[in-house]
Amino acid sequence: MERMTGVTEKEAVGKAMAYLLRGRDNFGRPVSMDVSSGGEPTDLEIVATDGSVRWLRVQHGPGFDGRGQLSFDVLVVTDVTRQREVDKLKDDFISTVSHELRTPLTPIKGYASLLLRRNDEIPAERRREALQSILERADHMHRLVEDLLLASRVANTGERRLPEVGRQAVDVGHIAEKALRSFVIAHPLREFRLDAADGAVALGDPIRIEQIVANLVSNAIKFSDEGAPVDVEIAREGVSVQIKVHDTGRGIPADKHDEIFEKFKRLEDPLRMETGGAGLGLFIVRQLARAMGGDVSVESVLGKGSTFTVTLTVSSSSVPAVAPPDRRASDLAG
């Protein structure tokens, strides 16, 4: 009890039960525990002596004498703070994913209905735009599902259970150029600048490297002003190949630089989110980079922007391999 409430044994002895167990219930109503013959568990939010807020589950175990009178009451008190935090994270996650899946469904249904009802009346160019919009939003949903599946393969213990990650010579500049094509089409008013050094051949999986670049570019677009440029630099530094993605967005607080790579982590207030996403992009970038023997880091200044750097090992071969034709990087980008 001392660990949960902060009240020492010396302070508690001789005091009423309500001295230790008073706070608010699930509806925010003031409540205090007392000797009772009731057996139903009660959740109680208390403020410990150090100011921390904790949730306790209190279960009565009453004892009765031969006349049926209450003679003693044993209380089992369990700290359920962590359990409630996990439950809240689950609720927030379900809400976020539901929103992310529902958002592209609206235009898909709208355009599909329009094409079904008035297909012959719509000019060919307009039909093409409608079909392109349906395809883009379907791809968005597919990427989200792929991200969720990939995240589920990584255990909370840190054990990697990632899908197969190849290790071959990859021309990273060529892969980055390929990854940027869909963004150039989707964001015609934004400038994407690629500076790729010759001979930047890394050891890795071309599909997964493309996914890394796509995730970082998508993140840069999401957190910078509309029309602001996004810079991608591919360089060889000693025995490493570096992928740098720079934006001029809002920046990241220094104490959050490691936290942003956690699964389902969003720095925005859930009630006032201005951007979409399930909080998986950067988590997946780190897992894929590490699975290929590399890593990712970030440098950021609030109000000026961020630079994400993925470091991969230089390949001993200067001739890049060709990616298998049956795997589509566009399906895996997140």
C-alpha atoms as a PDB file:
ATOM      1  CA  MET A   1       0.000   0.000   0.000  1.00  0.00           C
ATOM      2  CA  GLU A   2       2.865   2.361   0.702  1.00  0.00           C
ATOM      3  CA  ARG A   3       4.157   1.888  -2.863  1.00  0.00           C
ATOM      4  CA  MET A   4       0.726   2.610  -4.316  1.00  0.00           C
ATOM      5  CA  THR A   5      -0.419   5.474  -2.105  1.00  0.00           C
ATOM      6  CA  GLY A   6       2.806   6.895  -0.722  1.00  0.00           C
ATOM      7  CA  VAL A   7       1.388   6.697   2.824  1.00  0.00           C
ATOM      8  CA  THR A   8       3.818   4.940   5.167  1.00  0.00           C
ATOM      9  CA  GLU A   9       2.824   2.121   7.491  1.00  0.00           C
ATOM     10  CA  LYS A  10       3.443   4.342  10.503  1.00  0.00           C
ATOM     11  CA  GLU A  11       1.122   7.002   9.126  1.00  0.00           C
ATOM     12  CA  ALA A  12      -1.596   4.480   8.223  1.00  0.00           C
ATOM     13  CA  VAL A  13      -1.828   2.475  11.440  1.00  0.00           C
ATOM     14  CA  GLY A  14      -4.855   3.505  13.468  1.00  0.00           C
ATOM     15  CA  LYS A  15      -6.421   5.513  10.656  1.00  0.00           C
ATOM     16  CA  ALA A  16      -9.772   4.781   9.014  1.00  0.00           C
ATOM     17  CA  MET A  17      -9.731   2.942   5.703  1.00  0.00           C
ATOM     18  CA  ALA A  18     -11.024   6.055   3.957  1.00  0.00           C
ATOM     19  CA  TYR A  19      -7.773   7.815   4.908  1.00  0.00           C
ATOM     20  CA  LEU A  20      -5.894   5.583   2.481  1.00  0.00           C
ATOM     21  CA  LEU A  21      -8.553   4.830  -0.118  1.00  0.00           C
ATOM     22  CA  ARG A  22     -10.343   7.954  -1.193  1.00  0.00           C
ATOM     23  CA  GLY A  23     -10.565   9.477  -4.632  1.00  0.00           C
ATOM     24  CA  ARG A  24     -12.895   9.331  -7.633  1.00  0.00           C
ATOM     25  CA  ASP A  25     -14.727   6.548  -9.420  1.00  0.00           C
ATOM     26  CA  ASN A  26     -15.008   5.926 -13.178  1.00  0.00           C
ATOM     27  CA  PHE A  27     -17.510   8.779 -13.504  1.00  0.00           C
ATOM     28  CA  GLY A  28     -15.399  11.310 -11.605  1.00  0.00           C
ATOM     29  CA  ARG A  29     -17.560  11.190  -8.500  1.00  0.00           C
ATOM     30  CA  PRO A  30     -15.847  11.494  -5.096  1.00  0.00           C
ATOM     31  CA  VAL A  31     -15.774   8.189  -3.235  1.00  0.00           C
ATOM     32  CA  SER A  32     -13.995   6.695  -0.264  1.00  0.00           C
ATOM     33  CA  MET A  33     -13.734   3.038   0.750  1.00  0.00           C
ATOM     34  CA  ASP A  34     -15.019   1.834   4.091  1.00  0.00           C
ATOM     35  CA  VAL A  35     -15.622  -1.467   5.843  1.00  0.00           C
ATOM     36  CA  SER A  36     -18.349  -3.118   3.871  1.00  0.00           C
ATOM     37  CA  SER A  37     -20.058  -6.439   3.356  1.00  0.00           C
ATOM     38  CA  GLY A  38     -20.222  -5.852  -0.391  1.00  0.00           C
ATOM     39  CA  GLY A  39     -18.157  -8.128  -2.601  1.00  0.00           C
ATOM     40  CA  GLU A  40     -18.093  -6.242  -5.920  1.00  0.00           C
ATOM     41  CA  PRO A  41     -14.696  -4.828  -6.979  1.00  0.00           C
ATOM     42  CA  THR A  42     -14.438  -1.054  -7.194  1.00  0.00           C
ATOM     43  CA  ASP A  43     -12.029   0.976  -9.327  1.00  0.00           C
ATOM     44  CA  LEU A  44     -10.744   4.073  -7.578  1.00  0.00           C
ATOM     45  CA  GLU A  45      -8.599   6.908  -8.941  1.00  0.00           C
ATOM     46  CA  ILE A  46      -6.343   8.308  -6.219  1.00  0.00           C
ATOM     47  CA  VAL A  47      -3.635  10.931  -6.007  1.00  0.00           C
ATOM     48  CA  ALA A  48      -0.558   9.544  -4.234  1.00  0.00           C
ATOM     49  CA  THR A  49       1.461  11.649  -1.824  1.00  0.00           C
ATOM     50  CA  ASP A  50       4.024  12.353  -4.580  1.00  0.00           C
ATOM     51  CA  GLY A  51       1.294  13.831  -6.790  1.00  0.00           C
ATOM     52  CA  SER A  52       1.078  10.895  -9.215  1.00  0.00           C
ATOM     53  CA  VAL A  53      -2.349   9.647 -10.277  1.00  0.00           C
ATOM     54  CA  ARG A  54      -3.000   5.919  -9.882  1.00  0.00           C
ATOM     55  CA  TRP A  55      -5.937   3.597 -10.402  1.00  0.00           C
ATOM     56  CA  LEU A  56      -6.591   0.966  -7.750  1.00  0.00           C
ATOM     57  CA  ARG A  57      -9.024  -1.938  -7.861  1.00  0.00           C
ATOM     58  CA  VAL A  58     -10.402  -2.706  -4.416  1.00  0.00           C
ATOM     59  CA  GLN A  59     -12.061  -6.048  -3.664  1.00  0.00           C
ATOM     60  CA  HIS A  60     -13.710  -6.717  -0.315  1.00  0.00           C
ATOM     61  CA  GLY A  61     -13.430 -10.114   1.396  1.00  0.00           C
ATOM     62  CA  PRO A  62     -15.842  -9.910   4.352  1.00  0.00           C
ATOM     63  CA  GLY A  63     -15.896 -12.465   7.174  1.00  0.00           C
ATOM     64  CA  PHE A  64     -18.955 -13.237   9.302  1.00  0.00           C
ATOM     65  CA  ASP A  65     -19.424 -14.789  12.725  1.00  0.00           C
ATOM     66  CA  GLY A  66     -21.882 -17.529  13.669  1.00  0.00           C
ATOM     67  CA  ARG A  67     -24.696 -15.018  13.990  1.00  0.00           C
ATOM     68  CA  GLY A  68     -24.149 -13.676  10.512  1.00  0.00           C
ATOM     69  CA  GLN A  69     -22.624 -10.458  11.730  1.00  0.00           C
ATOM     70  CA  LEU A  70     -19.655  -8.901   9.946  1.00  0.00           C
ATOM     71  CA  SER A  71     -16.604  -9.576  12.097  1.00  0.00           C
ATOM     72  CA  PHE A  72     -13.754  -8.595   9.769  1.00  0.00           C
ATOM     73  CA  ASP A  73     -13.109  -7.361   6.252  1.00  0.00           C
ATOM     74  CA  VAL A  74     -10.091  -8.276   4.129  1.00  0.00           C
ATOM     75  CA  LEU A  75      -9.345  -5.909   1.277  1.00  0.00           C
ATOM     76  CA  VAL A  76      -7.370  -6.927  -1.809  1.00  0.00           C
ATOM     77  CA  VAL A  77      -6.002  -3.811  -3.492  1.00  0.00           C
ATOM     78  CA  THR A  78      -4.468  -4.081  -6.976  1.00  0.00           C
ATOM     79  CA  ASP A  79      -2.701  -1.314  -8.872  1.00  0.00           C
ATOM     80  CA  VAL A  80      -4.380  -1.316 -12.324  1.00  0.00           C
ATOM     81  CA  THR A  81      -2.865   1.956 -13.584  1.00  0.00           C
ATOM     82  CA  ARG A  82      -0.830   0.262 -16.302  1.00  0.00           C
ATOM     83  CA  GLN A  83      -3.764  -1.889 -17.379  1.00  0.00           C
ATOM     84  CA  ARG A  84      -5.968   1.157 -17.812  1.00  0.00           C
ATOM     85  CA  GLU A  85      -3.231   2.948 -19.785  1.00  0.00           C
ATOM     86  CA  VAL A  86      -2.979  -0.047 -22.122  1.00  0.00           C
ATOM     87  CA  ASP A  87      -6.760  -0.114 -22.523  1.00  0.00           C
ATOM     88  CA  LYS A  88      -6.740   3.583 -23.417  1.00  0.00           C
ATOM     89  CA  LEU A  89      -3.957   3.020 -25.977  1.00  0.00           C
ATOM     90  CA  LYS A  90      -6.008   0.225 -27.534  1.00  0.00           C
ATOM     91  CA  ASP A  91      -9.070   2.466 -27.727  1.00  0.00           C
ATOM     92  CA  ASP A  92      -7.037   5.305 -29.265  1.00  0.00           C
ATOM     93  CA  PHE A  93      -5.446   2.889 -31.745  1.00  0.00           C
ATOM     94  CA  ILE A  94      -8.794   1.433 -32.839  1.00  0.00           C
ATOM     95  CA  SER A  95     -10.203   4.946 -33.228  1.00  0.00           C
ATOM     96  CA  THR A  96      -7.195   6.099 -35.283  1.00  0.00           C
ATOM     97  CA  VAL A  97      -7.125   3.063 -37.569  1.00  0.00           C
ATOM     98  CA  SER A  98     -10.902   3.231 -38.062  1.00  0.00           C
ATOM     99  CA  HIS A  99     -10.561   6.867 -39.094  1.00  0.00           C
ATOM    100  CA  GLU A 100      -7.627   6.109 -41.417  1.00  0.00           C
ATOM    101  CA  LEU A 101      -9.578   3.333 -43.155  1.00  0.00           C
ATOM    102  CA  ARG A 102     -12.829   5.272 -43.311  1.00  0.00           C
ATOM    103  CA  THR A 103     -11.310   8.446 -44.795  1.00  0.00           C
ATOM    104  CA  PRO A 104     -10.310   6.978 -48.193  1.00  0.00           C
ATOM    105  CA  LEU A 105     -13.498   4.893 -48.337  1.00  0.00           C
ATOM    106  CA  THR A 106     -15.670   8.014 -48.733  1.00  0.00           C
ATOM    107  CA  PRO A 107     -14.223   9.163 -52.096  1.00  0.00           C
ATOM    108  CA  ILE A 108     -13.908   5.542 -53.282  1.00  0.00           C
ATOM    109  CA  LYS A 109     -17.623   4.982 -52.736  1.00  0.00           C
ATOM    110  CA  GLY A 110     -18.485   8.381 -54.195  1.00  0.00           C
ATOM    111  CA  TYR A 111     -16.491   7.953 -57.404  1.00  0.00           C
ATOM    112  CA  ALA A 112     -17.584   4.318 -57.837  1.00  0.00           C
ATOM    113  CA  SER A 113     -21.224   5.343 -57.485  1.00  0.00           C
ATOM    114  CA  LEU A 114     -20.748   8.179 -59.976  1.00  0.00           C
ATOM    115  CA  LEU A 115     -19.121   5.887 -62.538  1.00  0.00           C
ATOM    116  CA  LEU A 116     -21.827   3.266 -62.084  1.00  0.00           C
ATOM    117  CA  ARG A 117     -24.703   5.726 -62.574  1.00  0.00           C
ATOM    118  CA  ARG A 118     -23.316   8.105 -65.191  1.00  0.00           C
ATOM    119  CA  ASN A 119     -20.339   6.417 -66.782  1.00  0.00           C
ATOM    120  CA  ASP A 120     -21.427   7.070 -70.385  1.00  0.00           C
ATOM    121  CA  GLU A 121     -22.167  10.737 -69.678  1.00  0.00           C
ATOM    122  CA  ILE A 122     -18.776  11.527 -68.132  1.00  0.00           C
ATOM    123  CA  PRO A 123     -15.952  12.751 -70.397  1.00  0.00           C
ATOM    124  CA  ALA A 124     -13.056  10.323 -70.800  1.00  0.00           C
ATOM    125  CA  GLU A 125     -10.599  12.592 -68.970  1.00  0.00           C
ATOM    126  CA  ARG A 126     -12.962  12.947 -66.027  1.00  0.00           C
ATOM    127  CA  ARG A 127     -13.426   9.179 -65.871  1.00  0.00           C
ATOM    128  CA  ARG A 128      -9.676   8.721 -65.857  1.00  0.00           C
ATOM    129  CA  GLU A 129      -9.322  11.175 -62.935  1.00  0.00           C
ATOM    130  CA  ALA A 130     -12.040   9.363 -60.989  1.00  0.00           C
ATOM    131  CA  LEU A 131     -10.396   5.967 -61.532  1.00  0.00           C
ATOM    132  CA  GLN A 132      -6.996   7.411 -60.604  1.00  0.00           C
ATOM    133  CA  SER A 133      -8.444   8.796 -57.367  1.00  0.00           C
ATOM    134  CA  ILE A 134     -10.005   5.412 -56.537  1.00  0.00           C
ATOM    135  CA  LEU A 135      -6.676   3.694 -57.177  1.00  0.00           C
ATOM    136  CA  GLU A 136      -4.697   6.154 -55.047  1.00  0.00           C
ATOM    137  CA  ARG A 137      -7.044   5.791 -52.093  1.00  0.00           C
ATOM    138  CA  ALA A 138      -7.140   2.024 -52.411  1.00  0.00           C
ATOM    139  CA  ASP A 139      -3.329   2.066 -52.354  1.00  0.00           C
ATOM    140  CA  HIS A 140      -3.470   4.194 -49.202  1.00  0.00           C
ATOM    141  CA  MET A 141      -5.668   1.609 -47.494  1.00  0.00           C
ATOM    142  CA  HIS A 142      -3.432  -1.210 -48.685  1.00  0.00           C
ATOM    143  CA  ARG A 143      -0.337   0.517 -47.309  1.00  0.00           C
ATOM    144  CA  LEU A 144      -2.029   0.955 -43.933  1.00  0.00           C
ATOM    145  CA  VAL A 145      -2.951  -2.724 -43.789  1.00  0.00           C
ATOM    146  CA  GLU A 146       0.602  -3.701 -44.792  1.00  0.00           C
ATOM    147  CA  ASP A 147       1.986  -1.449 -42.059  1.00  0.00           C
ATOM    148  CA  LEU A 148      -0.300  -3.034 -39.486  1.00  0.00           C
ATOM    149  CA  LEU A 149       0.697  -6.540 -40.558  1.00  0.00           C
ATOM    150  CA  LEU A 150       4.376  -5.647 -40.477  1.00  0.00           C
ATOM    151  CA  ALA A 151       4.070  -4.045 -37.039  1.00  0.00           C
ATOM    152  CA  SER A 152       2.293  -7.134 -35.706  1.00  0.00           C
ATOM    153  CA  ARG A 153       5.318  -9.248 -36.639  1.00  0.00           C
ATOM    154  CA  VAL A 154       7.568  -7.338 -34.279  1.00  0.00           C
ATOM    155  CA  ALA A 155       7.179  -8.513 -30.681  1.00  0.00           C
ATOM    156  CA  ASN A 156       7.103  -6.011 -27.840  1.00  0.00           C
ATOM    157  CA  THR A 157      10.207  -7.707 -26.432  1.00  0.00           C
ATOM    158  CA  GLY A 158      12.205  -6.475 -29.399  1.00  0.00           C
ATOM    159  CA  GLU A 159      12.380  -9.904 -31.018  1.00  0.00           C
ATOM    160  CA  ARG A 160      12.269  -9.403 -34.785  1.00  0.00           C
ATOM    161  CA  ARG A 161       9.781 -11.463 -36.686  1.00  0.00           C
ATOM    162  CA  LEU A 162       9.914  -9.422 -39.865  1.00  0.00           C
ATOM    163  CA  PRO A 163       9.065 -10.813 -43.294  1.00  0.00           C
ATOM    164  CA  GLU A 164      12.021 -11.893 -45.382  1.00  0.00           C
ATOM    165  CA  VAL A 165      14.505  -9.063 -45.867  1.00  0.00           C
ATOM    166  CA  GLY A 166      16.954  -9.613 -48.698  1.00  0.00           C
ATOM    167  CA  ARG A 167      20.652  -8.753 -48.530  1.00  0.00           C
ATOM    168  CA  GLN A 168      21.960  -7.807 -51.951  1.00  0.00           C
ATOM    169  CA  ALA A 169      23.725  -4.939 -53.684  1.00  0.00           C
ATOM    170  CA  VAL A 170      21.248  -2.072 -54.170  1.00  0.00           C
ATOM    171  CA  ASP A 171      21.682   1.233 -56.034  1.00  0.00           C
ATOM    172  CA  VAL A 172      20.055   3.392 -53.375  1.00  0.00           C
ATOM    173  CA  GLY A 173      19.877   6.486 -55.590  1.00  0.00           C
ATOM    174  CA  HIS A 174      17.888   4.590 -58.205  1.00  0.00           C
ATOM    175  CA  ILE A 175      15.535   3.227 -55.543  1.00  0.00           C
ATOM    176  CA  ALA A 176      14.988   6.713 -54.065  1.00  0.00           C
ATOM    177  CA  GLU A 177      14.161   8.123 -57.506  1.00  0.00           C
ATOM    178  CA  LYS A 178      11.629   5.322 -58.008  1.00  0.00           C
ATOM    179  CA  ALA A 179      10.045   5.962 -54.605  1.00  0.00           C
ATOM    180  CA  LEU A 180       9.630   9.678 -55.350  1.00  0.00           C
ATOM    181  CA  ARG A 181       7.708   9.213 -58.617  1.00  0.00           C
ATOM    182  CA  SER A 182       4.321   8.597 -57.020  1.00  0.00           C
ATOM    183  CA  PHE A 183       4.774  11.595 -54.699  1.00  0.00           C
ATOM    184  CA  VAL A 184       5.593  13.881 -57.641  1.00  0.00           C
ATOM    185  CA  ILE A 185       2.345  12.837 -59.319  1.00  0.00           C
ATOM    186  CA  ALA A 186       0.243  13.055 -56.159  1.00  0.00           C
ATOM    187  CA  HIS A 187       1.677  16.431 -55.040  1.00  0.00           C
ATOM    188  CA  PRO A 188       2.245  18.515 -58.217  1.00  0.00           C
ATOM    189  CA  LEU A 189       2.583  21.781 -56.271  1.00  0.00           C
ATOM    190  CA  ARG A 190       5.361  20.492 -54.022  1.00  0.00           C
ATOM    191  CA  GLU A 191       9.033  20.347 -55.032  1.00  0.00           C
ATOM    192  CA  PHE A 192      10.902  17.093 -54.432  1.00  0.00           C
ATOM    193  CA  ARG A 193      14.668  17.446 -54.773  1.00  0.00           C
ATOM    194  CA  LEU A 194      16.877  14.387 -55.067  1.00  0.00           C
ATOM    195  CA  ASP A 195      20.665  14.576 -54.736  1.00  0.00           C
ATOM    196  CA  ALA A 196      22.058  11.088 -55.265  1.00  0.00           C
ATOM    197  CA  ALA A 197      25.796  10.429 -55.329  1.00  0.00           C
ATOM    198  CA  ASP A 198      27.191   7.951 -57.838  1.00  0.00           C
ATOM    199  CA  GLY A 199      28.322   4.619 -56.454  1.00  0.00           C
ATOM    200  CA  ALA A 200      25.992   4.662 -53.426  1.00  0.00           C
ATOM    201  CA  VAL A 201      25.442   0.899 -53.497  1.00  0.00           C
ATOM    202  CA  ALA A 202      24.271  -0.563 -50.191  1.00  0.00           C
ATOM    203  CA  LEU A 203      23.680  -4.059 -48.891  1.00  0.00           C
ATOM    204  CA  GLY A 204      19.960  -4.515 -48.388  1.00  0.00           C
ATOM    205  CA  ASP A 205      16.538  -5.247 -49.844  1.00  0.00           C
ATOM    206  CA  PRO A 206      15.433  -2.900 -52.677  1.00  0.00           C
ATOM    207  CA  ILE A 207      11.755  -3.279 -51.821  1.00  0.00           C
ATOM    208  CA  ARG A 208      12.331  -2.468 -48.150  1.00  0.00           C
ATOM    209  CA  ILE A 209      14.668   0.437 -48.958  1.00  0.00           C
ATOM    210  CA  GLU A 210      11.968   1.894 -51.184  1.00  0.00           C
ATOM    211  CA  GLN A 211       9.505   1.467 -48.330  1.00  0.00           C
ATOM    212  CA  ILE A 212      11.872   3.324 -45.995  1.00  0.00           C
ATOM    213  CA  VAL A 213      12.242   6.251 -48.417  1.00  0.00           C
ATOM    214  CA  ALA A 214       8.475   6.379 -49.030  1.00  0.00           C
ATOM    215  CA  ASN A 215       7.704   6.403 -45.299  1.00  0.00           C
ATOM    216  CA  LEU A 216      10.176   9.207 -44.596  1.00  0.00           C
ATOM    217  CA  VAL A 217       8.989  11.331 -47.542  1.00  0.00           C
ATOM    218  CA  SER A 218       5.354  10.774 -46.557  1.00  0.00           C
ATOM    219  CA  ASN A 219       6.225  11.873 -43.028  1.00  0.00           C
ATOM    220  CA  ALA A 220       7.981  15.004 -44.339  1.00  0.00           C
ATOM    221  CA  ILE A 221       4.934  15.939 -46.417  1.00  0.00           C
ATOM    222  CA  LYS A 222       2.577  15.367 -43.507  1.00  0.00           C
ATOM    223  CA  PHE A 223       4.416  17.632 -41.072  1.00  0.00           C
ATOM    224  CA  SER A 224       5.435  20.523 -43.325  1.00  0.00           C
ATOM    225  CA  ASP A 225       3.468  23.325 -44.945  1.00  0.00           C
ATOM    226  CA  GLU A 226       1.669  22.649 -48.191  1.00  0.00           C
ATOM    227  CA  GLY A 227       4.035  23.310 -51.071  1.00  0.00           C
ATOM    228  CA  ALA A 228       7.189  23.288 -48.916  1.00  0.00           C
ATOM    229  CA  PRO A 229      10.042  21.371 -50.607  1.00  0.00           C
ATOM    230  CA  VAL A 230      11.248  17.959 -49.488  1.00  0.00           C
ATOM    231  CA  ASP A 231      14.931  17.117 -49.989  1.00  0.00           C
ATOM    232  CA  VAL A 232      16.260  13.582 -50.346  1.00  0.00           C
ATOM    233  CA  GLU A 233      20.027  13.042 -50.305  1.00  0.00           C
ATOM    234  CA  ILE A 234      21.831   9.779 -50.973  1.00  0.00           C
ATOM    235  CA  ALA A 235      25.525   9.818 -50.063  1.00  0.00           C
ATOM    236  CA  ARG A 236      28.342   7.427 -49.344  1.00  0.00           C
ATOM    237  CA  GLU A 237      30.211   8.046 -46.098  1.00  0.00           C
ATOM    238  CA  GLY A 238      33.115   5.642 -45.583  1.00  0.00           C
ATOM    239  CA  VAL A 239      31.692   2.143 -45.178  1.00  0.00           C
ATOM    240  CA  SER A 240      28.102   3.423 -45.057  1.00  0.00           C
ATOM    241  CA  VAL A 241      25.436   4.664 -47.427  1.00  0.00           C
ATOM    242  CA  GLN A 242      23.222   7.372 -45.952  1.00  0.00           C
ATOM    243  CA  ILE A 243      19.655   8.228 -46.918  1.00  0.00           C
ATOM    244  CA  LYS A 244      18.721  11.702 -45.673  1.00  0.00           C
ATOM    245  CA  VAL A 245      15.219  13.163 -45.900  1.00  0.00           C
ATOM    246  CA  HIS A 246      14.905  16.818 -44.906  1.00  0.00           C
ATOM    247  CA  ASP A 247      11.805  18.951 -44.418  1.00  0.00           C
ATOM    248  CA  THR A 248      11.167  22.500 -43.220  1.00  0.00           C
ATOM    249  CA  GLY A 249       8.227  21.593 -41.016  1.00  0.00           C
ATOM    250  CA  ARG A 250       7.297  22.101 -37.379  1.00  0.00           C
ATOM    251  CA  GLY A 251      10.215  20.123 -35.928  1.00  0.00           C
ATOM    252  CA  ILE A 252      10.350  17.653 -33.047  1.00  0.00           C
ATOM    253  CA  PRO A 253      11.103  18.437 -29.374  1.00  0.00           C
ATOM    254  CA  ALA A 254      14.533  17.173 -28.315  1.00  0.00           C
ATOM    255  CA  ASP A 255      13.123  14.910 -25.608  1.00  0.00           C
ATOM    256  CA  LYS A 256      10.922  13.140 -28.172  1.00  0.00           C
ATOM    257  CA  HIS A 257      13.620  12.165 -30.689  1.00  0.00           C
ATOM    258  CA  ASP A 258      13.674   8.538 -29.601  1.00  0.00           C
ATOM    259  CA  GLU A 259      10.017   8.309 -28.656  1.00  0.00           C
ATOM    260  CA  ILE A 260       8.785   9.007 -32.210  1.00  0.00           C
ATOM    261  CA  PHE A 261      10.166   5.627 -33.357  1.00  0.00           C
ATOM    262  CA  GLU A 262       7.880   3.703 -30.987  1.00  0.00           C
ATOM    263  CA  LYS A 263       4.928   1.710 -32.276  1.00  0.00           C
ATOM    264  CA  PHE A 264       1.662   3.701 -32.646  1.00  0.00           C
ATOM    265  CA  LYS A 265       3.335   6.826 -31.254  1.00  0.00           C
ATOM    266  CA  ARG A 266       1.759  10.153 -32.167  1.00  0.00           C
ATOM    267  CA  LEU A 267       3.033  13.400 -30.628  1.00  0.00           C
ATOM    268  CA  GLU A 268      -0.148  15.311 -31.365  1.00  0.00           C
ATOM    269  CA  ASP A 269      -3.014  15.616 -28.905  1.00  0.00           C
ATOM    270  CA  PRO A 270      -5.506  12.898 -29.970  1.00  0.00           C
ATOM    271  CA  LEU A 271      -8.366  15.388 -29.545  1.00  0.00           C
ATOM    272  CA  ARG A 272      -6.754  17.994 -31.808  1.00  0.00           C
ATOM    273  CA  MET A 273      -4.862  15.976 -34.422  1.00  0.00           C
ATOM    274  CA  GLU A 274      -4.197  17.891 -37.628  1.00  0.00           C
ATOM    275  CA  THR A 275      -2.568  15.006 -39.517  1.00  0.00           C
ATOM    276  CA  GLY A 276      -3.516  11.442 -40.364  1.00  0.00           C
ATOM    277  CA  GLY A 277      -1.665   8.193 -39.804  1.00  0.00           C
ATOM    278  CA  ALA A 278      -1.584   5.339 -37.347  1.00  0.00           C
ATOM    279  CA  GLY A 279       1.833   6.154 -35.872  1.00  0.00           C
ATOM    280  CA  LEU A 280       3.571   3.241 -37.605  1.00  0.00           C
ATOM    281  CA  GLY A 281       5.714   4.863 -40.317  1.00  0.00           C
ATOM    282  CA  LEU A 282       8.814   5.706 -38.280  1.00  0.00           C
ATOM    283  CA  PHE A 283       8.537   2.533 -36.226  1.00  0.00           C
ATOM    284  CA  ILE A 284       8.652   0.505 -39.451  1.00  0.00           C
ATOM    285  CA  VAL A 285      11.562   2.578 -40.802  1.00  0.00           C
ATOM    286  CA  ARG A 286      13.643   1.731 -37.726  1.00  0.00           C
ATOM    287  CA  GLN A 287      12.737  -1.971 -37.778  1.00  0.00           C
ATOM    288  CA  LEU A 288      13.506  -2.364 -41.480  1.00  0.00           C
ATOM    289  CA  ALA A 289      16.767  -0.410 -41.249  1.00  0.00           C
ATOM    290  CA  ARG A 290      17.953  -2.546 -38.333  1.00  0.00           C
ATOM    291  CA  ALA A 291      16.865  -5.756 -40.088  1.00  0.00           C
ATOM    292  CA  MET A 292      19.258  -4.777 -42.910  1.00  0.00           C
ATOM    293  CA  GLY A 293      22.096  -4.091 -40.474  1.00  0.00           C
ATOM    294  CA  GLY A 294      21.586  -0.330 -40.353  1.00  0.00           C
ATOM    295  CA  ASP A 295      19.745   2.224 -38.220  1.00  0.00           C
ATOM    296  CA  VAL A 296      17.938   5.562 -38.320  1.00  0.00           C
ATOM    297  CA  SER A 297      18.424   8.835 -36.441  1.00  0.00           C
ATOM    298  CA  VAL A 298      16.884  12.293 -36.469  1.00  0.00           C
ATOM    299  CA  GLU A 299      18.095  15.880 -36.106  1.00  0.00           C
ATOM    300  CA  SER A 300      15.436  18.512 -35.602  1.00  0.00           C
ATOM    301  CA  VAL A 301      14.939  22.153 -34.654  1.00  0.00           C
ATOM    302  CA  LEU A 302      11.510  23.320 -33.541  1.00  0.00           C
ATOM    303  CA  GLY A 303       9.927  25.565 -36.143  1.00  0.00           C
ATOM    304  CA  LYS A 304      12.657  24.922 -38.712  1.00  0.00           C
ATOM    305  CA  GLY A 305      12.357  21.289 -39.719  1.00  0.00           C
ATOM    306  CA  SER A 306      13.806  17.813 -39.354  1.00  0.00           C
ATOM    307  CA  THR A 307      16.347  15.573 -41.060  1.00  0.00           C
ATOM    308  CA  PHE A 308      15.996  11.812 -40.822  1.00  0.00           C
ATOM    309  CA  THR A 309      19.114   9.802 -41.639  1.00  0.00           C
ATOM    310  CA  VAL A 310      19.065   6.085 -42.435  1.00  0.00           C
ATOM    311  CA  THR A 311      22.484   4.431 -42.459  1.00  0.00           C
ATOM    312  CA  LEU A 312      23.073   1.200 -44.382  1.00  0.00           C
ATOM    313  CA  THR A 313      26.223  -0.843 -44.973  1.00  0.00           C
ATOM    314  CA  VAL A 314      28.119  -0.312 -48.232  1.00  0.00           C
ATOM    315  CA  SER A 315      27.983  -3.352 -50.499  1.00  0.00           C
ATOM    316  CA  SER A 316      31.253  -5.026 -51.452  1.00  0.00           C
ATOM    317  CA  SER A 317      29.831  -5.307 -54.966  1.00  0.00           C
ATOM    318  CA  SER A 318      29.516  -2.157 -57.058  1.00  0.00           C
ATOM    319  CA  VAL A 319      27.009  -3.814 -59.390  1.00  0.00           C
ATOM    320  CA  PRO A 320      23.457  -3.627 -58.008  1.00  0.00           C
ATOM    321  CA  ALA A 321      21.188  -6.637 -58.274  1.00  0.00           C
ATOM    322  CA  VAL A 322      17.783  -6.501 -59.935  1.00  0.00           C
ATOM    323  CA  ALA A 323      14.750  -6.613 -57.656  1.00  0.00           C
ATOM    324  CA  PRO A 324      12.444  -9.628 -58.091  1.00  0.00           C
ATOM    325  CA  PRO A 325       9.621  -8.687 -60.514  1.00  0.00           C
ATOM    326  CA  ASP A 326       6.820 -10.192 -58.440  1.00  0.00           C
ATOM    327  CA  ARG A 327       7.198  -7.834 -55.456  1.00  0.00           C
ATOM    328  CA  ARG A 328       5.716  -4.323 -55.731  1.00  0.00           C
ATOM    329  CA  ALA A 329       7.339  -1.630 -53.635  1.00  0.00           C
ATOM    330  CA  SER A 330       4.321   0.632 -54.105  1.00  0.00           C
ATOM    331  CA  ASP A 331       2.247  -1.914 -52.236  1.00  0.00           C
ATOM    332  CA  LEU A 332       4.563  -1.831 -49.256  1.00  0.00           C
ATOM    333  CA  ALA A 333       5.318   1.863 -48.859  1.00  0.00           C
ATOM    334  CA  GLY A 334       3.716   3.367 -45.757  1.00  0.00           C
END
